[in-house]
Amino acid sequence: MKYIFTILLTILIILSFEKIKLSWELNKLYFNNQNLKIEYEILKEENLKLLTQFHLENLPSGIEKQAKENLGMIKKEAKEIYIDISNEEE
């Protein structure tokens, strides 16, 4: 009887340690999950900002502005061309 009691007590102690270990691991995973969710939200916001910046910088007006400011380019005025259609072959 004493032998069975010792075995059961040993099994109980081992299972208790396993429960503590699993609880600790579960808590750690939960904490990591929360951190990953926060990081995911931050990255989503940063991605949205970068996409917005990309689209703004690649607009024709944005490219023209950079060309004027950084490269010193000047937009030329359009030339007017006149065609005299009154003196066609008669």
PDB file of N, CA and C in Angstrom:
ATOM      1  N   MET A   1       0.817  -1.192   0.000  1.00  0.00           N
ATOM      2  CA  MET A   1       0.000   0.000   0.000  1.00  0.00           C
ATOM      3  C   MET A   1       0.865   1.262   0.000  1.00  0.00           C
ATOM      4  N   LYS A   2       1.901   1.242   0.812  1.00  0.00           N
ATOM      5  CA  LYS A   2       2.799   2.385   0.893  1.00  0.00           C
ATOM      6  C   LYS A   2       3.494   2.610  -0.448  1.00  0.00           C
ATOM      7  N   TYR A   3       3.798   1.556  -1.133  1.00  0.00           N
ATOM      8  CA  TYR A   3       4.465   1.626  -2.437  1.00  0.00           C
ATOM      9  C   TYR A   3       3.554   2.304  -3.476  1.00  0.00           C
ATOM     10  N   ILE A   4       2.300   1.978  -3.501  1.00  0.00           N
ATOM     11  CA  ILE A   4       1.338   2.567  -4.436  1.00  0.00           C
ATOM     12  C   ILE A   4       1.133   4.049  -4.112  1.00  0.00           C
ATOM     13  N   PHE A   5       1.051   4.369  -2.842  1.00  0.00           N
ATOM     14  CA  PHE A   5       0.894   5.757  -2.431  1.00  0.00           C
ATOM     15  C   PHE A   5       2.086   6.593  -2.887  1.00  0.00           C
ATOM     16  N   THR A   6       3.283   6.078  -2.775  1.00  0.00           N
ATOM     17  CA  THR A   6       4.497   6.785  -3.199  1.00  0.00           C
ATOM     18  C   THR A   6       4.494   7.000  -4.712  1.00  0.00           C
ATOM     19  N   ILE A   7       4.091   6.006  -5.446  1.00  0.00           N
ATOM     20  CA  ILE A   7       4.033   6.130  -6.906  1.00  0.00           C
ATOM     21  C   ILE A   7       2.997   7.177  -7.302  1.00  0.00           C
ATOM     22  N   LEU A   8       1.829   7.150  -6.663  1.00  0.00           N
ATOM     23  CA  LEU A   8       0.785   8.130  -6.978  1.00  0.00           C
ATOM     24  C   LEU A   8       1.220   9.542  -6.612  1.00  0.00           C
ATOM     25  N   LEU A   9       1.884   9.694  -5.515  1.00  0.00           N
ATOM     26  CA  LEU A   9       2.382  11.004  -5.092  1.00  0.00           C
ATOM     27  C   LEU A   9       3.432  11.515  -6.073  1.00  0.00           C
ATOM     28  N   THR A  10       4.299  10.638  -6.521  1.00  0.00           N
ATOM     29  CA  THR A  10       5.325  11.019  -7.490  1.00  0.00           C
ATOM     30  C   THR A  10       4.682  11.449  -8.811  1.00  0.00           C
ATOM     31  N   ILE A  11       3.704  10.691  -9.246  1.00  0.00           N
ATOM     32  CA  ILE A  11       2.995  11.044 -10.488  1.00  0.00           C
ATOM     33  C   ILE A  11       2.279  12.382 -10.328  1.00  0.00           C
ATOM     34  N   LEU A  12       1.684  12.627  -9.188  1.00  0.00           N
ATOM     35  CA  LEU A  12       0.998  13.888  -8.921  1.00  0.00           C
ATOM     36  C   LEU A  12       1.970  15.065  -8.959  1.00  0.00           C
ATOM     37  N   ILE A  13       3.129  14.885  -8.371  1.00  0.00           N
ATOM     38  CA  ILE A  13       4.143  15.945  -8.360  1.00  0.00           C
ATOM     39  C   ILE A  13       4.628  16.229  -9.786  1.00  0.00           C
ATOM     40  N   ILE A  14       4.880  15.176 -10.550  1.00  0.00           N
ATOM     41  CA  ILE A  14       5.338  15.345 -11.932  1.00  0.00           C
ATOM     42  C   ILE A  14       4.278  16.067 -12.759  1.00  0.00           C
ATOM     43  N   LEU A  15       3.024  15.668 -12.604  1.00  0.00           N
ATOM     44  CA  LEU A  15       1.940  16.315 -13.336  1.00  0.00           C
ATOM     45  C   LEU A  15       1.748  17.777 -12.908  1.00  0.00           C
ATOM     46  N   SER A  16       1.978  18.047 -11.642  1.00  0.00           N
ATOM     47  CA  SER A  16       1.873  19.433 -11.157  1.00  0.00           C
ATOM     48  C   SER A  16       2.948  20.302 -11.805  1.00  0.00           C
ATOM     49  N   PHE A  17       4.167  19.777 -11.878  1.00  0.00           N
ATOM     50  CA  PHE A  17       5.233  20.526 -12.526  1.00  0.00           C
ATOM     51  C   PHE A  17       4.938  20.742 -14.015  1.00  0.00           C
ATOM     52  N   GLU A  18       4.382  19.736 -14.658  1.00  0.00           N
ATOM     53  CA  GLU A  18       4.020  19.872 -16.069  1.00  0.00           C
ATOM     54  C   GLU A  18       2.932  20.928 -16.260  1.00  0.00           C
ATOM     55  N   LYS A  19       1.978  20.951 -15.331  1.00  0.00           N
ATOM     56  CA  LYS A  19       0.917  21.957 -15.414  1.00  0.00           C
ATOM     57  C   LYS A  19       1.496  23.356 -15.255  1.00  0.00           C
ATOM     58  N   ILE A  20       2.398  23.526 -14.321  1.00  0.00           N
ATOM     59  CA  ILE A  20       3.039  24.828 -14.113  1.00  0.00           C
ATOM     60  C   ILE A  20       3.826  25.230 -15.355  1.00  0.00           C
ATOM     61  N   LYS A  21       4.563  24.279 -15.914  1.00  0.00           N
ATOM     62  CA  LYS A  21       5.357  24.544 -17.111  1.00  0.00           C
ATOM     63  C   LYS A  21       4.457  24.935 -18.281  1.00  0.00           C
ATOM     64  N   LEU A  22       3.369  24.216 -18.485  1.00  0.00           N
ATOM     65  CA  LEU A  22       2.449  24.529 -19.574  1.00  0.00           C
ATOM     66  C   LEU A  22       1.749  25.866 -19.367  1.00  0.00           C
ATOM     67  N   SER A  23       1.418  26.173 -18.142  1.00  0.00           N
ATOM     68  CA  SER A  23       0.795  27.472 -17.850  1.00  0.00           C
ATOM     69  C   SER A  23       1.754  28.613 -18.167  1.00  0.00           C
ATOM     70  N   TRP A  24       3.005  28.426 -17.803  1.00  0.00           N
ATOM     71  CA  TRP A  24       4.015  29.447 -18.086  1.00  0.00           C
ATOM     72  C   TRP A  24       4.197  29.620 -19.596  1.00  0.00           C
ATOM     73  N   GLU A  25       4.264  28.522 -20.328  1.00  0.00           N
ATOM     74  CA  GLU A  25       4.418  28.592 -21.784  1.00  0.00           C
ATOM     75  C   GLU A  25       3.196  29.228 -22.442  1.00  0.00           C
ATOM     76  N   LEU A  26       2.020  28.898 -21.944  1.00  0.00           N
ATOM     77  CA  LEU A  26       0.796  29.489 -22.477  1.00  0.00           C
ATOM     78  C   LEU A  26       0.775  30.996 -22.244  1.00  0.00           C
ATOM     79  N   ASN A  27       1.171  31.419 -21.066  1.00  0.00           N
ATOM     80  CA  ASN A  27       1.237  32.842 -20.755  1.00  0.00           C
ATOM     81  C   ASN A  27       2.243  33.539 -21.666  1.00  0.00           C
ATOM     82  N   LYS A  28       3.368  32.904 -21.888  1.00  0.00           N
ATOM     83  CA  LYS A  28       4.405  33.464 -22.759  1.00  0.00           C
ATOM     84  C   LYS A  28       3.881  33.592 -24.195  1.00  0.00           C
ATOM     85  N   LEU A  29       3.197  32.578 -24.699  1.00  0.00           N
ATOM     86  CA  LEU A  29       2.632  32.628 -26.045  1.00  0.00           C
ATOM     87  C   LEU A  29       1.555  33.700 -26.167  1.00  0.00           C
ATOM     88  N   TYR A  30       0.743  33.853 -25.139  1.00  0.00           N
ATOM     89  CA  TYR A  30      -0.286  34.885 -25.149  1.00  0.00           C
ATOM     90  C   TYR A  30       0.355  36.265 -25.223  1.00  0.00           C
ATOM     91  N   PHE A  31       1.409  36.471 -24.434  1.00  0.00           N
ATOM     92  CA  PHE A  31       2.117  37.755 -24.436  1.00  0.00           C
ATOM     93  C   PHE A  31       2.744  38.012 -25.807  1.00  0.00           C
ATOM     94  N   ASN A  32       3.347  36.992 -26.396  1.00  0.00           N
ATOM     95  CA  ASN A  32       3.942  37.138 -27.732  1.00  0.00           C
ATOM     96  C   ASN A  32       2.865  37.456 -28.776  1.00  0.00           C
ATOM     97  N   ASN A  33       1.712  36.824 -28.637  1.00  0.00           N
ATOM     98  CA  ASN A  33       0.611  37.082 -29.560  1.00  0.00           C
ATOM     99  C   ASN A  33       0.158  38.540 -29.470  1.00  0.00           C
ATOM    100  N   GLN A  34       0.056  39.063 -28.272  1.00  0.00           N
ATOM    101  CA  GLN A  34      -0.341  40.458 -28.088  1.00  0.00           C
ATOM    102  C   GLN A  34       0.693  41.392 -28.720  1.00  0.00           C
ATOM    103  N   ASN A  35       1.967  41.094 -28.508  1.00  0.00           N
ATOM    104  CA  ASN A  35       3.024  41.922 -29.099  1.00  0.00           C
ATOM    105  C   ASN A  35       2.980  41.876 -30.625  1.00  0.00           C
ATOM    106  N   LEU A  36       2.723  40.693 -31.173  1.00  0.00           N
ATOM    107  CA  LEU A  36       2.647  40.563 -32.631  1.00  0.00           C
ATOM    108  C   LEU A  36       1.449  41.326 -33.200  1.00  0.00           C
ATOM    109  N   LYS A  37       0.337  41.330 -32.494  1.00  0.00           N
ATOM    110  CA  LYS A  37      -0.830  42.081 -32.955  1.00  0.00           C
ATOM    111  C   LYS A  37      -0.530  43.577 -32.979  1.00  0.00           C
ATOM    112  N   ILE A  38       0.133  44.067 -31.945  1.00  0.00           N
ATOM    113  CA  ILE A  38       0.489  45.484 -31.891  1.00  0.00           C
ATOM    114  C   ILE A  38       1.462  45.824 -33.013  1.00  0.00           C
ATOM    115  N   GLU A  39       2.461  44.997 -33.205  1.00  0.00           N
ATOM    116  CA  GLU A  39       3.445  45.226 -34.269  1.00  0.00           C
ATOM    117  C   GLU A  39       2.780  45.173 -35.643  1.00  0.00           C
ATOM    118  N   TYR A  40       1.831  44.268 -35.826  1.00  0.00           N
ATOM    119  CA  TYR A  40       1.102  44.167 -37.088  1.00  0.00           C
ATOM    120  C   TYR A  40       0.332  45.460 -37.382  1.00  0.00           C
ATOM    121  N   GLU A  41      -0.332  46.010 -36.377  1.00  0.00           N
ATOM    122  CA  GLU A  41      -1.075  47.261 -36.564  1.00  0.00           C
ATOM    123  C   GLU A  41      -0.134  48.403 -36.914  1.00  0.00           C
ATOM    124  N   ILE A  42       1.023  48.459 -36.253  1.00  0.00           N
ATOM    125  CA  ILE A  42       2.002  49.505 -36.551  1.00  0.00           C
ATOM    126  C   ILE A  42       2.497  49.374 -37.988  1.00  0.00           C
ATOM    127  N   LEU A  43       2.776  48.146 -38.413  1.00  0.00           N
ATOM    128  CA  LEU A  43       3.252  47.921 -39.777  1.00  0.00           C
ATOM    129  C   LEU A  43       2.175  48.226 -40.817  1.00  0.00           C
ATOM    130  N   LYS A  44       0.913  47.951 -40.491  1.00  0.00           N
ATOM    131  CA  LYS A  44      -0.175  48.302 -41.408  1.00  0.00           C
ATOM    132  C   LYS A  44      -0.248  49.812 -41.604  1.00  0.00           C
ATOM    133  N   GLU A  45      -0.122  50.567 -40.511  1.00  0.00           N
ATOM    134  CA  GLU A  45      -0.156  52.023 -40.605  1.00  0.00           C
ATOM    135  C   GLU A  45       1.034  52.546 -41.408  1.00  0.00           C
ATOM    136  N   GLU A  46       2.217  51.994 -41.152  1.00  0.00           N
ATOM    137  CA  GLU A  46       3.407  52.425 -41.880  1.00  0.00           C
ATOM    138  C   GLU A  46       3.285  52.087 -43.367  1.00  0.00           C
ATOM    139  N   ASN A  47       2.737  50.933 -43.669  1.00  0.00           N
ATOM    140  CA  ASN A  47       2.536  50.541 -45.063  1.00  0.00           C
ATOM    141  C   ASN A  47       1.586  51.499 -45.766  1.00  0.00           C
ATOM    142  N   LEU A  48       0.513  51.887 -45.088  1.00  0.00           N
ATOM    143  CA  LEU A  48      -0.434  52.839 -45.664  1.00  0.00           C
ATOM    144  C   LEU A  48       0.239  54.182 -45.933  1.00  0.00           C
ATOM    145  N   LYS A  49       1.055  54.642 -44.990  1.00  0.00           N
ATOM    146  CA  LYS A  49       1.782  55.904 -45.179  1.00  0.00           C
ATOM    147  C   LYS A  49       2.731  55.810 -46.365  1.00  0.00           C
ATOM    148  N   LEU A  50       3.445  54.686 -46.467  1.00  0.00           N
ATOM    149  CA  LEU A  50       4.394  54.524 -47.570  1.00  0.00           C
ATOM    150  C   LEU A  50       3.685  54.428 -48.919  1.00  0.00           C
ATOM    151  N   LEU A  51       2.551  53.744 -48.964  1.00  0.00           N
ATOM    152  CA  LEU A  51       1.793  53.676 -50.215  1.00  0.00           C
ATOM    153  C   LEU A  51       1.288  55.058 -50.627  1.00  0.00           C
ATOM    154  N   THR A  52       0.800  55.812 -49.655  1.00  0.00           N
ATOM    155  CA  THR A  52       0.337  57.167 -49.935  1.00  0.00           C
ATOM    156  C   THR A  52       1.483  58.025 -50.444  1.00  0.00           C
ATOM    157  N   GLN A  53       2.629  57.953 -49.782  1.00  0.00           N
ATOM    158  CA  GLN A  53       3.804  58.720 -50.193  1.00  0.00           C
ATOM    159  C   GLN A  53       4.248  58.306 -51.601  1.00  0.00           C
ATOM    160  N   PHE A  54       4.235  57.001 -51.882  1.00  0.00           N
ATOM    161  CA  PHE A  54       4.627  56.502 -53.200  1.00  0.00           C
ATOM    162  C   PHE A  54       3.730  57.071 -54.284  1.00  0.00           C
ATOM    163  N   HIS A  55       2.413  57.036 -54.043  1.00  0.00           N
ATOM    164  CA  HIS A  55       1.484  57.531 -55.053  1.00  0.00           C
ATOM    165  C   HIS A  55       1.587  59.042 -55.226  1.00  0.00           C
ATOM    166  N   LEU A  56       1.827  59.767 -54.133  1.00  0.00           N
ATOM    167  CA  LEU A  56       1.974  61.217 -54.240  1.00  0.00           C
ATOM    168  C   LEU A  56       3.238  61.596 -55.000  1.00  0.00           C
ATOM    169  N   GLU A  57       4.320  60.860 -54.750  1.00  0.00           N
ATOM    170  CA  GLU A  57       5.577  61.193 -55.404  1.00  0.00           C
ATOM    171  C   GLU A  57       5.591  60.790 -56.866  1.00  0.00           C
ATOM    172  N   ASN A  58       4.745  59.873 -57.266  1.00  0.00           N
ATOM    173  CA  ASN A  58       4.732  59.428 -58.654  1.00  0.00           C
ATOM    174  C   ASN A  58       3.633  60.072 -59.489  1.00  0.00           C
ATOM    175  N   LEU A  59       2.948  61.046 -58.923  1.00  0.00           N
ATOM    176  CA  LEU A  59       2.007  61.825 -59.712  1.00  0.00           C
ATOM    177  C   LEU A  59       2.798  62.717 -60.662  1.00  0.00           C
ATOM    178  N   PRO A  60       2.272  63.030 -61.829  1.00  0.00           N
ATOM    179  CA  PRO A  60       3.000  63.923 -62.741  1.00  0.00           C
ATOM    180  C   PRO A  60       3.358  65.266 -62.107  1.00  0.00           C
ATOM    181  N   SER A  61       2.451  65.792 -61.286  1.00  0.00           N
ATOM    182  CA  SER A  61       2.748  67.077 -60.638  1.00  0.00           C
ATOM    183  C   SER A  61       3.892  66.937 -59.633  1.00  0.00           C
ATOM    184  N   GLY A  62       3.961  65.796 -58.947  1.00  0.00           N
ATOM    185  CA  GLY A  62       5.060  65.567 -58.009  1.00  0.00           C
ATOM    186  C   GLY A  62       6.383  65.408 -58.713  1.00  0.00           C
ATOM    187  N   ILE A  63       6.378  64.722 -59.838  1.00  0.00           N
ATOM    188  CA  ILE A  63       7.614  64.555 -60.610  1.00  0.00           C
ATOM    189  C   ILE A  63       8.070  65.901 -61.157  1.00  0.00           C
ATOM    190  N   GLU A  64       7.127  66.696 -61.632  1.00  0.00           N
ATOM    191  CA  GLU A  64       7.466  68.024 -62.149  1.00  0.00           C
ATOM    192  C   GLU A  64       8.041  68.904 -61.042  1.00  0.00           C
ATOM    193  N   LYS A  65       7.454  68.828 -59.862  1.00  0.00           N
ATOM    194  CA  LYS A  65       7.945  69.628 -58.736  1.00  0.00           C
ATOM    195  C   LYS A  65       9.370  69.231 -58.372  1.00  0.00           C
ATOM    196  N   GLN A  66       9.654  67.922 -58.332  1.00  0.00           N
ATOM    197  CA  GLN A  66      11.014  67.478 -58.026  1.00  0.00           C
ATOM    198  C   GLN A  66      11.994  67.899 -59.109  1.00  0.00           C
ATOM    199  N   ALA A  67      11.566  67.842 -60.370  1.00  0.00           N
ATOM    200  CA  ALA A  67      12.439  68.252 -61.459  1.00  0.00           C
ATOM    201  C   ALA A  67      12.786  69.730 -61.344  1.00  0.00           C
ATOM    202  N   LYS A  68      11.821  70.546 -60.978  1.00  0.00           N
ATOM    203  CA  LYS A  68      12.070  71.981 -60.830  1.00  0.00           C
ATOM    204  C   LYS A  68      12.966  72.266 -59.628  1.00  0.00           C
ATOM    205  N   GLU A  69      12.661  71.646 -58.487  1.00  0.00           N
ATOM    206  CA  GLU A  69      13.396  71.943 -57.258  1.00  0.00           C
ATOM    207  C   GLU A  69      14.792  71.323 -57.235  1.00  0.00           C
ATOM    208  N   ASN A  70      14.891  70.050 -57.571  1.00  0.00           N
ATOM    209  CA  ASN A  70      16.165  69.345 -57.421  1.00  0.00           C
ATOM    210  C   ASN A  70      17.077  69.479 -58.639  1.00  0.00           C
ATOM    211  N   LEU A  71      16.502  69.531 -59.821  1.00  0.00           N
ATOM    212  CA  LEU A  71      17.314  69.550 -61.030  1.00  0.00           C
ATOM    213  C   LEU A  71      17.366  70.916 -61.698  1.00  0.00           C
ATOM    214  N   GLY A  72      16.576  71.851 -61.214  1.00  0.00           N
ATOM    215  CA  GLY A  72      16.580  73.206 -61.764  1.00  0.00           C
ATOM    216  C   GLY A  72      15.971  73.289 -63.152  1.00  0.00           C
ATOM    217  N   MET A  73      15.100  72.368 -63.479  1.00  0.00           N
ATOM    218  CA  MET A  73      14.483  72.375 -64.809  1.00  0.00           C
ATOM    219  C   MET A  73      13.374  73.422 -64.853  1.00  0.00           C
ATOM    220  N   ILE A  74      13.220  74.011 -66.022  1.00  0.00           N
ATOM    221  CA  ILE A  74      12.200  75.038 -66.218  1.00  0.00           C
ATOM    222  C   ILE A  74      11.265  74.550 -67.314  1.00  0.00           C
ATOM    223  N   LYS A  75      10.005  74.702 -67.066  1.00  0.00           N
ATOM    224  CA  LYS A  75       9.015  74.281 -68.050  1.00  0.00           C
ATOM    225  C   LYS A  75       8.979  75.308 -69.180  1.00  0.00           C
ATOM    226  N   LYS A  76       9.108  74.833 -70.413  1.00  0.00           N
ATOM    227  CA  LYS A  76       9.086  75.727 -71.562  1.00  0.00           C
ATOM    228  C   LYS A  76       7.646  76.067 -71.913  1.00  0.00           C
ATOM    229  N   GLU A  77       7.516  77.275 -72.461  1.00  0.00           N
ATOM    230  CA  GLU A  77       6.201  77.711 -72.909  1.00  0.00           C
ATOM    231  C   GLU A  77       5.878  77.025 -74.232  1.00  0.00           C
ATOM    232  N   ALA A  78       4.637  76.780 -74.459  1.00  0.00           N
ATOM    233  CA  ALA A  78       4.208  76.151 -75.709  1.00  0.00           C
ATOM    234  C   ALA A  78       4.342  77.154 -76.849  1.00  0.00           C
ATOM    235  N   LYS A  79       4.844  76.684 -77.987  1.00  0.00           N
ATOM    236  CA  LYS A  79       4.966  77.549 -79.161  1.00  0.00           C
ATOM    237  C   LYS A  79       3.654  77.518 -79.933  1.00  0.00           C
ATOM    238  N   GLU A  80       3.336  78.660 -80.477  1.00  0.00           N
ATOM    239  CA  GLU A  80       2.129  78.749 -81.284  1.00  0.00           C
ATOM    240  C   GLU A  80       2.512  78.632 -82.750  1.00  0.00           C
ATOM    241  N   ILE A  81       1.797  77.824 -83.458  1.00  0.00           N
ATOM    242  CA  ILE A  81       2.043  77.635 -84.885  1.00  0.00           C
ATOM    243  C   ILE A  81       0.798  78.083 -85.633  1.00  0.00           C
ATOM    244  N   TYR A  82       1.054  78.983 -86.601  1.00  0.00           N
ATOM    245  CA  TYR A  82      -0.065  79.492 -87.401  1.00  0.00           C
ATOM    246  C   TYR A  82       0.050  78.916 -88.801  1.00  0.00           C
ATOM    247  N   ILE A  83      -1.043  78.479 -89.322  1.00  0.00           N
ATOM    248  CA  ILE A  83      -1.089  77.952 -90.682  1.00  0.00           C
ATOM    249  C   ILE A  83      -2.045  78.836 -91.479  1.00  0.00           C
ATOM    250  N   ASP A  84      -1.521  79.330 -92.535  1.00  0.00           N
ATOM    251  CA  ASP A  84      -2.340  80.187 -93.388  1.00  0.00           C
ATOM    252  C   ASP A  84      -3.061  79.298 -94.389  1.00  0.00           C
ATOM    253  N   ILE A  85      -4.346  79.148 -94.193  1.00  0.00           N
ATOM    254  CA  ILE A  85      -5.123  78.271 -95.086  1.00  0.00           C
ATOM    255  C   ILE A  85      -5.836  79.058 -96.167  1.00  0.00           C
ATOM    256  N   SER A  86      -5.697  80.369 -96.166  1.00  0.00           N
ATOM    257  CA  SER A  86      -6.388  81.197 -97.179  1.00  0.00           C
ATOM    258  C   SER A  86      -5.665  81.147 -98.511  1.00  0.00           C
ATOM    259  N   ASN A  87      -4.363  80.883 -98.556  1.00  0.00           N
ATOM    260  CA  ASN A  87      -3.598  80.882 -99.803  1.00  0.00           C
ATOM    261  C   ASN A  87      -3.331  79.469-100.283  1.00  0.00           C
ATOM    262  N   GLU A  88      -4.292  78.658-100.247  1.00  0.00           N
ATOM    263  CA  GLU A  88      -4.125  77.319-100.779  1.00  0.00           C
ATOM    264  C   GLU A  88      -4.085  77.414-102.301  1.00  0.00           C
ATOM    265  N   GLU A  89      -3.683  76.345-102.958  1.00  0.00           N
ATOM    266  CA  GLU A  89      -3.602  76.334-104.403  1.00  0.00           C
ATOM    267  C   GLU A  89      -4.961  76.660-104.993  1.00  0.00           C
ATOM    268  N   GLU A  90      -4.938  77.572-105.905  1.00  0.00           N
ATOM    269  CA  GLU A  90      -6.198  78.019-106.490  1.00  0.00           C
ATOM    270  C   GLU A  90      -6.438  77.429-107.819  1.00  0.00           C
TER     271      GLU A  90
END
